N, C-alpha and C. Protein backbone atom coordinates (compact mmCIF):
# COMPACT_ATOMS: atom_id res chain seq x y z
N UNK A 1 191.52 243.42 -16.33
CA UNK A 1 192.23 242.77 -15.13
C UNK A 1 193.46 243.65 -14.72
N UNK A 2 193.62 243.78 -13.44
CA UNK A 2 194.63 244.49 -12.92
C UNK A 2 195.91 243.67 -12.81
N UNK A 3 197.03 244.24 -13.30
CA UNK A 3 198.19 243.57 -13.30
C UNK A 3 199.05 243.53 -11.97
N UNK A 4 199.19 244.75 -11.35
CA UNK A 4 199.93 244.86 -10.19
C UNK A 4 199.44 245.98 -9.30
N UNK A 5 200.04 246.32 -8.26
CA UNK A 5 199.72 247.27 -7.22
C UNK A 5 199.76 248.62 -7.88
N UNK A 6 200.85 248.88 -8.68
CA UNK A 6 200.91 250.26 -9.43
C UNK A 6 199.69 250.48 -10.33
N UNK A 7 199.31 249.47 -10.98
CA UNK A 7 198.09 249.67 -11.99
C UNK A 7 196.94 249.91 -11.21
N UNK A 8 196.63 249.22 -10.14
CA UNK A 8 195.55 249.50 -9.29
C UNK A 8 195.53 250.77 -8.75
N UNK A 9 196.53 251.37 -8.17
CA UNK A 9 196.59 252.65 -7.60
C UNK A 9 196.38 253.72 -8.72
N UNK A 10 196.94 253.48 -9.91
CA UNK A 10 196.70 254.30 -11.06
C UNK A 10 195.34 254.51 -11.39
N UNK A 11 194.60 253.31 -11.29
CA UNK A 11 193.11 253.40 -11.69
C UNK A 11 192.08 253.88 -10.48
N UNK A 12 192.71 254.16 -9.37
CA UNK A 12 191.85 254.64 -8.24
C UNK A 12 191.60 256.09 -8.39
N UNK A 13 190.57 256.58 -7.68
CA UNK A 13 190.34 258.05 -7.70
C UNK A 13 191.46 258.93 -7.35
N UNK A 14 191.69 259.99 -8.05
CA UNK A 14 192.95 260.86 -7.81
C UNK A 14 193.06 261.25 -6.32
N UNK A 15 192.13 261.53 -5.63
CA UNK A 15 192.25 261.97 -4.31
C UNK A 15 192.57 260.83 -3.21
N UNK A 16 192.30 259.72 -3.78
CA UNK A 16 192.80 258.46 -2.92
C UNK A 16 194.05 257.84 -3.13
N UNK A 17 194.64 258.25 -4.26
CA UNK A 17 196.03 257.66 -4.64
C UNK A 17 197.06 257.79 -3.54
N UNK A 18 197.23 258.98 -3.03
CA UNK A 18 198.27 259.23 -1.97
C UNK A 18 198.04 258.36 -0.80
N UNK A 19 196.71 258.16 -0.43
CA UNK A 19 196.41 257.26 0.73
C UNK A 19 196.93 255.75 0.40
N UNK A 20 196.48 255.37 -0.79
CA UNK A 20 196.94 253.97 -1.20
C UNK A 20 198.45 253.81 -1.27
N UNK A 21 199.22 254.75 -1.87
CA UNK A 21 200.48 254.73 -1.79
C UNK A 21 201.13 254.56 -0.41
N UNK A 22 200.75 255.43 0.44
CA UNK A 22 201.09 255.42 1.80
C UNK A 22 200.74 254.07 2.68
N UNK A 23 199.48 253.51 2.43
CA UNK A 23 199.10 252.20 3.02
C UNK A 23 200.01 251.16 2.51
N UNK A 24 200.18 251.31 1.08
CA UNK A 24 201.07 250.16 0.59
C UNK A 24 202.50 250.22 1.18
N UNK A 25 203.08 251.32 1.35
CA UNK A 25 204.37 251.38 2.07
C UNK A 25 204.37 250.92 3.40
N UNK A 26 203.31 251.33 4.11
CA UNK A 26 203.28 250.95 5.59
C UNK A 26 203.04 249.38 5.61
N UNK A 27 202.25 248.78 4.80
CA UNK A 27 202.16 247.30 4.86
C UNK A 27 203.45 246.69 4.39
N UNK A 28 204.24 247.21 3.43
CA UNK A 28 205.35 246.61 2.99
C UNK A 28 206.49 246.65 4.29
N UNK A 29 206.48 247.78 5.01
CA UNK A 29 207.35 247.87 6.09
C UNK A 29 206.93 246.81 7.31
N UNK A 30 205.71 246.80 7.48
CA UNK A 30 205.28 245.79 8.56
C UNK A 30 205.27 244.32 8.08
N UNK A 31 205.30 244.06 6.93
CA UNK A 31 205.34 242.63 6.39
C UNK A 31 206.61 242.57 5.25
N UNK A 32 207.72 242.67 5.72
CA UNK A 32 208.86 242.70 4.82
C UNK A 32 209.03 241.41 4.02
N UNK A 33 208.61 240.39 4.49
CA UNK A 33 208.78 238.98 3.72
C UNK A 33 207.54 238.71 2.86
N UNK A 34 206.61 239.51 2.77
CA UNK A 34 205.46 239.23 2.18
C UNK A 34 205.63 239.66 0.67
N UNK A 35 204.96 238.94 -0.20
CA UNK A 35 204.98 239.27 -1.67
C UNK A 35 203.70 240.08 -2.03
N UNK A 36 203.82 240.99 -2.91
CA UNK A 36 202.63 241.74 -3.33
C UNK A 36 201.94 240.90 -4.39
N UNK A 37 200.56 240.84 -4.12
CA UNK A 37 199.68 240.07 -5.14
C UNK A 37 198.56 240.86 -5.48
N UNK A 38 197.72 240.45 -6.56
CA UNK A 38 196.49 240.88 -6.81
C UNK A 38 195.52 239.67 -6.52
N UNK A 39 194.64 239.89 -5.65
CA UNK A 39 193.68 238.70 -5.28
C UNK A 39 192.35 239.29 -4.97
N UNK A 40 191.39 238.65 -5.63
CA UNK A 40 189.86 239.18 -5.42
C UNK A 40 189.85 240.65 -5.97
N UNK A 41 190.61 240.83 -7.05
CA UNK A 41 190.58 242.23 -7.81
C UNK A 41 191.00 243.26 -6.84
N UNK A 42 191.81 242.94 -5.94
CA UNK A 42 192.38 244.03 -5.21
C UNK A 42 193.90 243.77 -4.83
N UNK A 43 194.61 244.75 -4.44
CA UNK A 43 196.06 244.49 -4.05
C UNK A 43 196.08 243.81 -2.62
N UNK A 44 197.08 242.86 -2.52
CA UNK A 44 197.25 242.36 -1.14
C UNK A 44 198.61 241.85 -1.01
N UNK A 45 198.95 241.41 0.25
CA UNK A 45 200.23 241.00 0.61
C UNK A 45 200.10 239.46 1.04
N UNK A 46 200.93 238.53 0.47
CA UNK A 46 200.73 237.22 0.61
C UNK A 46 202.00 236.57 1.37
N UNK A 47 201.97 235.75 2.24
CA UNK A 47 203.02 235.04 2.74
C UNK A 47 202.67 233.51 2.65
N UNK A 48 203.49 232.79 1.81
CA UNK A 48 203.09 231.35 1.54
C UNK A 48 201.78 231.44 0.82
N UNK A 49 200.75 230.71 1.17
CA UNK A 49 199.51 230.68 0.41
C UNK A 49 198.48 231.51 1.03
N UNK A 50 198.71 232.24 2.15
CA UNK A 50 197.81 233.06 2.79
C UNK A 50 197.98 234.55 2.52
N UNK A 51 196.79 235.21 2.19
CA UNK A 51 196.74 236.61 2.09
C UNK A 51 196.67 237.19 3.52
N UNK A 52 197.66 237.93 3.94
CA UNK A 52 197.72 238.47 5.22
C UNK A 52 196.95 239.72 5.36
N UNK A 53 197.12 240.66 4.30
CA UNK A 53 196.53 241.84 4.22
C UNK A 53 196.17 242.34 2.82
N UNK A 54 195.12 243.10 2.67
CA UNK A 54 194.80 243.61 1.44
C UNK A 54 194.20 244.99 1.60
N UNK A 55 194.06 245.82 0.40
CA UNK A 55 193.60 247.05 0.46
C UNK A 55 192.76 247.46 -0.70
N UNK A 56 191.99 248.41 -0.65
CA UNK A 56 191.08 248.59 -1.81
C UNK A 56 190.71 250.23 -1.81
N UNK A 57 190.32 250.72 -2.85
CA UNK A 57 189.88 252.00 -3.10
C UNK A 57 188.44 252.05 -3.48
N UNK A 58 187.59 252.86 -3.02
CA UNK A 58 186.25 253.03 -3.48
C UNK A 58 186.11 254.44 -4.02
N UNK A 59 184.80 254.79 -4.26
CA UNK A 59 184.66 256.08 -4.81
C UNK A 59 185.12 257.37 -3.87
N UNK A 60 184.84 257.09 -2.52
CA UNK A 60 185.09 258.21 -1.50
C UNK A 60 185.92 257.67 -0.40
N UNK A 61 186.19 256.42 -0.30
CA UNK A 61 187.05 255.90 0.87
C UNK A 61 187.94 254.93 0.53
N UNK A 62 188.73 254.41 1.33
CA UNK A 62 189.73 253.31 1.23
C UNK A 62 189.38 252.32 2.29
N UNK A 63 189.87 251.02 1.99
CA UNK A 63 189.57 249.97 3.12
C UNK A 63 190.94 249.11 3.26
N UNK A 64 191.13 248.60 4.36
CA UNK A 64 192.13 247.81 4.74
C UNK A 64 191.53 246.48 5.19
N UNK A 65 191.98 245.34 4.64
CA UNK A 65 191.25 244.07 4.95
C UNK A 65 192.13 243.08 5.42
N UNK A 66 191.80 242.57 6.55
CA UNK A 66 192.79 241.71 7.36
C UNK A 66 191.98 240.40 7.91
N UNK A 67 192.58 239.66 8.82
CA UNK A 67 192.09 238.39 9.30
C UNK A 67 191.01 238.99 10.43
N UNK A 68 189.88 238.38 10.60
CA UNK A 68 188.78 238.80 11.58
C UNK A 68 189.33 239.09 13.03
N UNK A 69 190.27 238.02 13.42
CA UNK A 69 190.83 238.21 14.77
C UNK A 69 191.70 239.30 14.99
N UNK A 70 192.35 239.78 13.86
CA UNK A 70 193.16 241.06 14.08
C UNK A 70 192.26 242.31 14.28
N UNK A 71 191.11 242.33 13.54
CA UNK A 71 190.18 243.42 13.67
C UNK A 71 189.61 243.32 15.18
N UNK A 72 189.16 242.17 15.52
CA UNK A 72 188.54 241.99 16.89
C UNK A 72 189.43 242.32 17.93
N UNK A 73 190.65 241.97 17.88
CA UNK A 73 191.68 242.23 18.95
C UNK A 73 192.00 243.74 19.03
N UNK A 74 191.90 244.45 18.01
CA UNK A 74 192.28 245.84 18.08
C UNK A 74 191.07 246.83 17.88
N UNK A 75 189.91 246.23 18.11
CA UNK A 75 188.59 247.15 17.87
C UNK A 75 188.66 248.33 18.64
N UNK A 76 189.15 248.38 19.86
CA UNK A 76 189.22 249.54 20.72
C UNK A 76 190.17 250.55 20.01
N UNK A 77 191.29 250.24 19.59
CA UNK A 77 192.27 251.09 18.88
C UNK A 77 191.65 251.82 17.55
N UNK A 78 190.79 250.94 16.76
CA UNK A 78 190.27 251.37 15.65
C UNK A 78 189.20 252.47 16.10
N UNK A 79 188.32 252.09 16.97
CA UNK A 79 187.35 252.96 17.36
C UNK A 79 187.95 254.31 17.95
N UNK A 80 188.94 254.23 18.67
CA UNK A 80 189.62 255.38 19.31
C UNK A 80 190.17 256.32 18.21
N UNK A 81 190.57 255.76 17.04
CA UNK A 81 191.07 256.48 15.91
C UNK A 81 189.93 257.13 15.14
N UNK A 82 188.71 256.81 15.47
CA UNK A 82 187.52 257.28 14.77
C UNK A 82 187.19 256.73 13.51
N UNK A 83 187.66 255.42 13.38
CA UNK A 83 187.48 254.75 12.00
C UNK A 83 186.19 253.83 12.05
N UNK A 84 185.68 253.46 10.93
CA UNK A 84 184.72 252.47 10.88
C UNK A 84 185.22 251.17 10.61
N UNK A 85 184.69 250.07 11.05
CA UNK A 85 185.16 248.78 10.76
C UNK A 85 184.01 247.68 10.84
N UNK A 86 184.41 246.71 10.04
CA UNK A 86 183.57 245.50 9.97
C UNK A 86 184.23 244.31 10.48
N UNK A 87 183.78 243.09 10.29
CA UNK A 87 184.39 241.88 10.77
C UNK A 87 185.85 241.80 10.13
N UNK A 88 185.91 242.18 8.90
CA UNK A 88 187.27 241.85 8.18
C UNK A 88 187.89 243.15 7.63
N UNK A 89 187.41 244.31 7.85
CA UNK A 89 187.86 245.53 7.30
C UNK A 89 187.74 246.72 8.04
N UNK A 90 188.66 247.69 7.68
CA UNK A 90 188.62 249.05 8.30
C UNK A 90 188.52 250.06 7.14
N UNK A 91 187.60 250.95 7.28
CA UNK A 91 187.49 251.95 6.19
C UNK A 91 187.90 253.22 6.75
N UNK A 92 188.46 254.08 5.85
CA UNK A 92 188.78 255.49 6.23
C UNK A 92 188.82 256.39 5.04
N UNK A 93 188.89 257.71 5.40
CA UNK A 93 188.53 258.78 4.27
C UNK A 93 190.04 259.38 4.18
N UNK A 94 190.07 260.25 3.12
CA UNK A 94 191.23 261.02 2.97
C UNK A 94 191.56 262.11 3.93
N UNK A 95 190.38 262.59 4.51
CA UNK A 95 190.42 263.63 5.62
C UNK A 95 190.73 262.99 7.04
N UNK A 96 190.68 261.61 7.18
CA UNK A 96 191.06 260.88 8.40
C UNK A 96 191.64 259.63 8.05
N UNK A 97 193.06 259.71 7.71
CA UNK A 97 193.67 258.42 7.21
C UNK A 97 193.98 257.57 8.49
N UNK A 98 194.26 256.27 8.21
CA UNK A 98 194.50 255.38 9.31
C UNK A 98 195.92 255.59 9.74
N UNK A 99 196.14 255.64 11.18
CA UNK A 99 197.47 255.92 11.68
C UNK A 99 198.38 254.81 11.39
N UNK A 100 199.66 255.23 11.09
CA UNK A 100 200.80 254.17 10.77
C UNK A 100 200.90 253.11 11.77
N UNK A 101 200.98 253.55 13.20
CA UNK A 101 201.09 252.45 14.13
C UNK A 101 199.94 251.52 14.29
N UNK A 102 198.78 251.94 13.96
CA UNK A 102 197.61 251.01 13.80
C UNK A 102 197.76 250.02 12.62
N UNK A 103 198.22 250.61 11.46
CA UNK A 103 198.45 249.67 10.41
C UNK A 103 199.25 248.54 10.68
N UNK A 104 200.47 248.81 11.34
CA UNK A 104 201.34 247.85 11.71
C UNK A 104 200.89 246.82 12.68
N UNK A 105 200.22 247.33 13.71
CA UNK A 105 199.55 246.48 14.74
C UNK A 105 198.70 245.47 14.14
N UNK A 106 197.80 246.16 13.16
CA UNK A 106 196.76 245.19 12.66
C UNK A 106 197.40 244.13 11.63
N UNK A 107 198.32 244.53 10.86
CA UNK A 107 199.09 243.59 9.90
C UNK A 107 199.71 242.53 10.67
N UNK A 108 200.51 242.82 11.78
CA UNK A 108 201.20 241.81 12.50
C UNK A 108 200.24 240.93 13.32
N UNK A 109 199.04 241.48 13.72
CA UNK A 109 197.98 240.63 14.27
C UNK A 109 197.40 239.66 13.20
N UNK A 110 197.19 240.11 12.18
CA UNK A 110 196.69 239.34 11.04
C UNK A 110 197.65 238.18 10.71
N UNK A 111 198.95 238.48 10.65
CA UNK A 111 199.89 237.54 10.48
C UNK A 111 199.95 236.47 11.51
N UNK A 112 199.91 236.91 12.67
CA UNK A 112 199.97 236.00 13.85
C UNK A 112 198.71 235.11 13.84
N UNK A 113 197.45 235.69 13.52
CA UNK A 113 196.22 234.92 13.42
C UNK A 113 196.33 233.78 12.47
N UNK A 114 197.02 234.04 11.45
CA UNK A 114 197.06 232.97 10.37
C UNK A 114 198.21 232.04 10.66
N UNK A 115 198.98 232.10 11.78
CA UNK A 115 200.01 231.29 12.18
C UNK A 115 201.18 231.21 11.32
N UNK A 116 201.52 232.47 10.87
CA UNK A 116 202.71 232.64 9.95
C UNK A 116 203.85 233.12 10.66
N UNK A 117 204.95 232.35 10.52
CA UNK A 117 206.21 232.66 11.23
C UNK A 117 206.97 233.85 10.53
N UNK A 118 207.88 234.49 11.32
CA UNK A 118 208.65 235.50 10.73
C UNK A 118 209.80 234.92 9.93
N UNK A 119 210.32 235.78 9.02
CA UNK A 119 211.40 235.25 8.11
C UNK A 119 212.53 234.77 8.97
N UNK A 120 213.15 233.65 8.56
CA UNK A 120 214.34 233.10 9.30
C UNK A 120 213.88 231.91 10.08
N UNK A 121 212.57 231.77 10.48
CA UNK A 121 212.14 230.66 11.23
C UNK A 121 211.62 229.57 10.20
N UNK A 122 211.38 228.47 10.68
CA UNK A 122 211.04 227.32 9.93
C UNK A 122 209.38 227.58 9.73
N UNK A 123 208.91 228.02 8.58
CA UNK A 123 207.55 228.30 8.27
C UNK A 123 206.75 226.93 8.14
N UNK A 124 207.38 225.98 7.62
CA UNK A 124 206.81 224.75 7.43
C UNK A 124 206.31 223.90 8.72
N UNK A 125 207.00 224.33 9.76
CA UNK A 125 206.64 223.57 10.99
C UNK A 125 205.27 223.83 11.48
N UNK A 126 204.84 225.13 11.15
CA UNK A 126 203.53 225.57 11.59
C UNK A 126 202.54 225.86 10.37
N UNK A 127 202.75 225.13 9.29
CA UNK A 127 201.98 225.51 8.14
C UNK A 127 200.49 225.14 8.46
N UNK A 128 199.60 225.96 7.85
CA UNK A 128 198.11 225.62 8.06
C UNK A 128 197.72 224.40 7.52
N UNK A 129 198.22 223.96 6.50
CA UNK A 129 197.90 222.58 6.01
C UNK A 129 198.45 221.42 6.87
N UNK A 130 199.49 221.53 7.50
CA UNK A 130 199.93 220.45 8.44
C UNK A 130 198.96 220.42 9.65
N UNK A 131 198.53 221.52 10.11
CA UNK A 131 197.57 221.63 11.31
C UNK A 131 196.22 221.10 10.77
N UNK A 132 195.72 221.45 9.67
CA UNK A 132 194.45 220.96 9.22
C UNK A 132 194.41 219.39 9.14
N UNK A 133 195.52 218.91 8.54
CA UNK A 133 195.56 217.38 8.40
C UNK A 133 195.59 216.73 9.90
N UNK A 134 196.28 217.31 10.75
CA UNK A 134 196.30 216.70 12.13
C UNK A 134 194.87 216.80 12.79
N UNK A 135 194.12 217.89 12.63
CA UNK A 135 192.79 218.03 13.10
C UNK A 135 191.85 217.11 12.44
N UNK A 136 191.99 216.83 11.15
CA UNK A 136 191.05 215.94 10.52
C UNK A 136 191.06 214.52 11.00
N UNK A 137 192.43 214.10 11.19
CA UNK A 137 192.45 212.71 11.72
C UNK A 137 191.99 212.57 13.08
N UNK A 138 192.11 213.45 13.79
CA UNK A 138 191.65 213.48 15.29
C UNK A 138 190.05 213.46 15.29
N UNK A 139 189.51 214.26 14.38
CA UNK A 139 188.18 214.33 14.29
C UNK A 139 187.50 212.94 13.82
N UNK A 140 188.28 212.33 12.87
CA UNK A 140 187.61 211.04 12.34
C UNK A 140 187.43 210.00 13.35
N UNK A 141 188.43 209.94 14.40
CA UNK A 141 188.52 209.00 15.48
C UNK A 141 187.30 209.18 16.43
N UNK A 142 186.80 210.37 16.56
CA UNK A 142 185.77 210.60 17.57
C UNK A 142 184.40 210.76 17.02
N UNK A 143 184.19 210.20 15.89
CA UNK A 143 182.82 210.40 15.21
C UNK A 143 181.83 209.38 15.98
N UNK A 144 180.70 210.02 16.31
CA UNK A 144 179.75 209.15 16.93
C UNK A 144 178.73 208.93 15.83
N UNK A 145 178.05 207.73 16.03
CA UNK A 145 177.11 207.39 14.96
C UNK A 145 175.70 207.51 15.55
N UNK A 146 174.73 207.97 14.60
CA UNK A 146 173.36 208.21 15.07
C UNK A 146 172.45 207.05 14.85
N UNK A 147 171.15 207.15 14.71
CA UNK A 147 170.18 206.09 14.61
C UNK A 147 170.42 205.31 13.41
N UNK A 148 170.68 205.91 12.27
CA UNK A 148 170.70 205.26 11.04
C UNK A 148 172.21 204.96 10.67
N UNK A 149 173.24 205.20 11.52
CA UNK A 149 174.55 205.11 11.13
C UNK A 149 175.27 206.20 10.57
N UNK A 150 174.46 207.35 10.43
CA UNK A 150 175.05 208.60 10.08
C UNK A 150 175.87 209.32 11.14
N UNK A 151 176.52 210.14 10.80
CA UNK A 151 177.31 210.98 11.75
C UNK A 151 176.26 211.59 12.78
N UNK A 152 176.50 211.68 13.97
CA UNK A 152 175.54 212.18 14.99
C UNK A 152 175.27 213.68 14.65
N UNK A 153 173.96 213.98 14.79
CA UNK A 153 173.54 215.33 14.35
C UNK A 153 173.23 215.50 12.93
N UNK A 154 173.55 214.44 12.17
CA UNK A 154 173.16 214.57 10.72
C UNK A 154 172.05 213.73 10.34
N UNK A 155 171.35 213.13 11.22
CA UNK A 155 170.06 212.40 10.92
C UNK A 155 168.94 213.36 10.80
N UNK A 156 168.04 213.12 9.96
CA UNK A 156 166.84 213.94 9.85
C UNK A 156 165.89 213.78 11.02
N UNK A 157 165.05 214.77 11.34
CA UNK A 157 164.10 214.61 12.25
C UNK A 157 163.06 213.56 11.93
N UNK A 158 162.56 212.99 12.99
CA UNK A 158 161.61 211.87 12.88
C UNK A 158 160.41 212.05 11.86
N UNK A 159 159.93 213.25 11.94
CA UNK A 159 158.81 213.70 10.98
C UNK A 159 159.16 213.51 9.49
N UNK A 160 160.41 213.93 9.28
CA UNK A 160 161.01 213.91 7.90
C UNK A 160 161.10 212.41 7.43
N UNK A 161 161.38 211.45 8.26
CA UNK A 161 161.62 210.11 7.95
C UNK A 161 160.20 209.40 7.62
N UNK A 162 159.23 209.78 8.38
CA UNK A 162 157.85 209.31 8.13
C UNK A 162 157.28 209.93 6.81
N UNK A 163 157.61 211.05 6.57
CA UNK A 163 157.09 211.65 5.32
C UNK A 163 157.79 211.00 4.04
N UNK A 164 159.07 210.68 4.34
CA UNK A 164 159.81 210.11 3.17
C UNK A 164 159.26 208.68 2.86
N UNK A 165 158.71 208.00 3.74
CA UNK A 165 158.14 206.63 3.61
C UNK A 165 156.71 206.68 2.95
N UNK A 166 156.26 208.01 3.01
CA UNK A 166 154.93 208.19 2.43
C UNK A 166 153.81 208.18 3.46
N UNK A 167 154.16 208.17 4.73
CA UNK A 167 153.13 208.31 5.78
C UNK A 167 153.21 209.82 6.24
N UNK A 168 151.93 210.29 6.46
CA UNK A 168 151.93 211.68 6.90
C UNK A 168 152.14 211.55 8.39
N UNK A 169 152.86 212.60 8.91
CA UNK A 169 153.00 212.63 10.41
C UNK A 169 152.07 213.58 11.09
N UNK A 170 151.20 214.24 10.23
CA UNK A 170 150.27 215.19 10.76
C UNK A 170 148.84 214.64 10.78
N UNK A 171 148.00 214.88 11.80
CA UNK A 171 146.67 214.49 11.87
C UNK A 171 145.70 215.64 11.40
N UNK A 172 144.83 215.38 10.56
CA UNK A 172 143.83 216.42 10.21
C UNK A 172 142.52 216.02 10.75
N UNK A 173 141.90 216.83 11.49
CA UNK A 173 140.61 216.62 12.18
C UNK A 173 139.46 217.30 11.32
N UNK A 174 138.56 216.62 10.70
CA UNK A 174 137.53 217.26 9.96
C UNK A 174 136.11 217.13 10.76
N UNK A 175 135.56 218.32 10.95
CA UNK A 175 134.23 218.34 11.60
C UNK A 175 133.14 218.02 10.54
N UNK A 176 132.41 216.97 10.80
CA UNK A 176 131.31 216.57 9.86
C UNK A 176 129.91 216.96 10.58
N UNK A 177 129.14 217.68 9.90
CA UNK A 177 127.81 218.01 10.40
C UNK A 177 126.80 216.77 10.22
N UNK A 178 126.08 216.47 11.24
CA UNK A 178 125.11 215.28 11.04
C UNK A 178 123.96 215.77 10.04
N UNK A 179 123.49 214.85 9.30
CA UNK A 179 122.41 215.21 8.30
C UNK A 179 121.08 215.28 8.81
């Protein structure tokens, strides 16, 4: 089990360690009020209960992992830098590191996507838990009921109901030759 960011970087391949040190420093500058954590066996930066950014080393490349909306909103910048990306991550090689300005943009976009306020503002006013509770109560009021009293869209198809009662819903025609 990895204890902290320093231990993770020490265990990474030698040629990737400078990239990881640089990425860690860039993320720390972009997210000054975030705390360093180890989550999902990789180093990350957390604000409150949300992981805003994480990074990892593989055998030949490094990855930066963020909120999907951050990647989507800066897909053009990532492609322009010649980097590969997925829904939640950007990978880069030692020969082509991720630009510092792009790291900052992505980290701030990830923070914004998770509705995390900057230091000095009231973070509890926009906490994700408070918003989730509000959405749940609104959803409960507008539930429509289906044929059997279930939530609309949750009832099985008619064929399934007939099979469950033991009645086949399919007809089989058998051709019988006269004797």
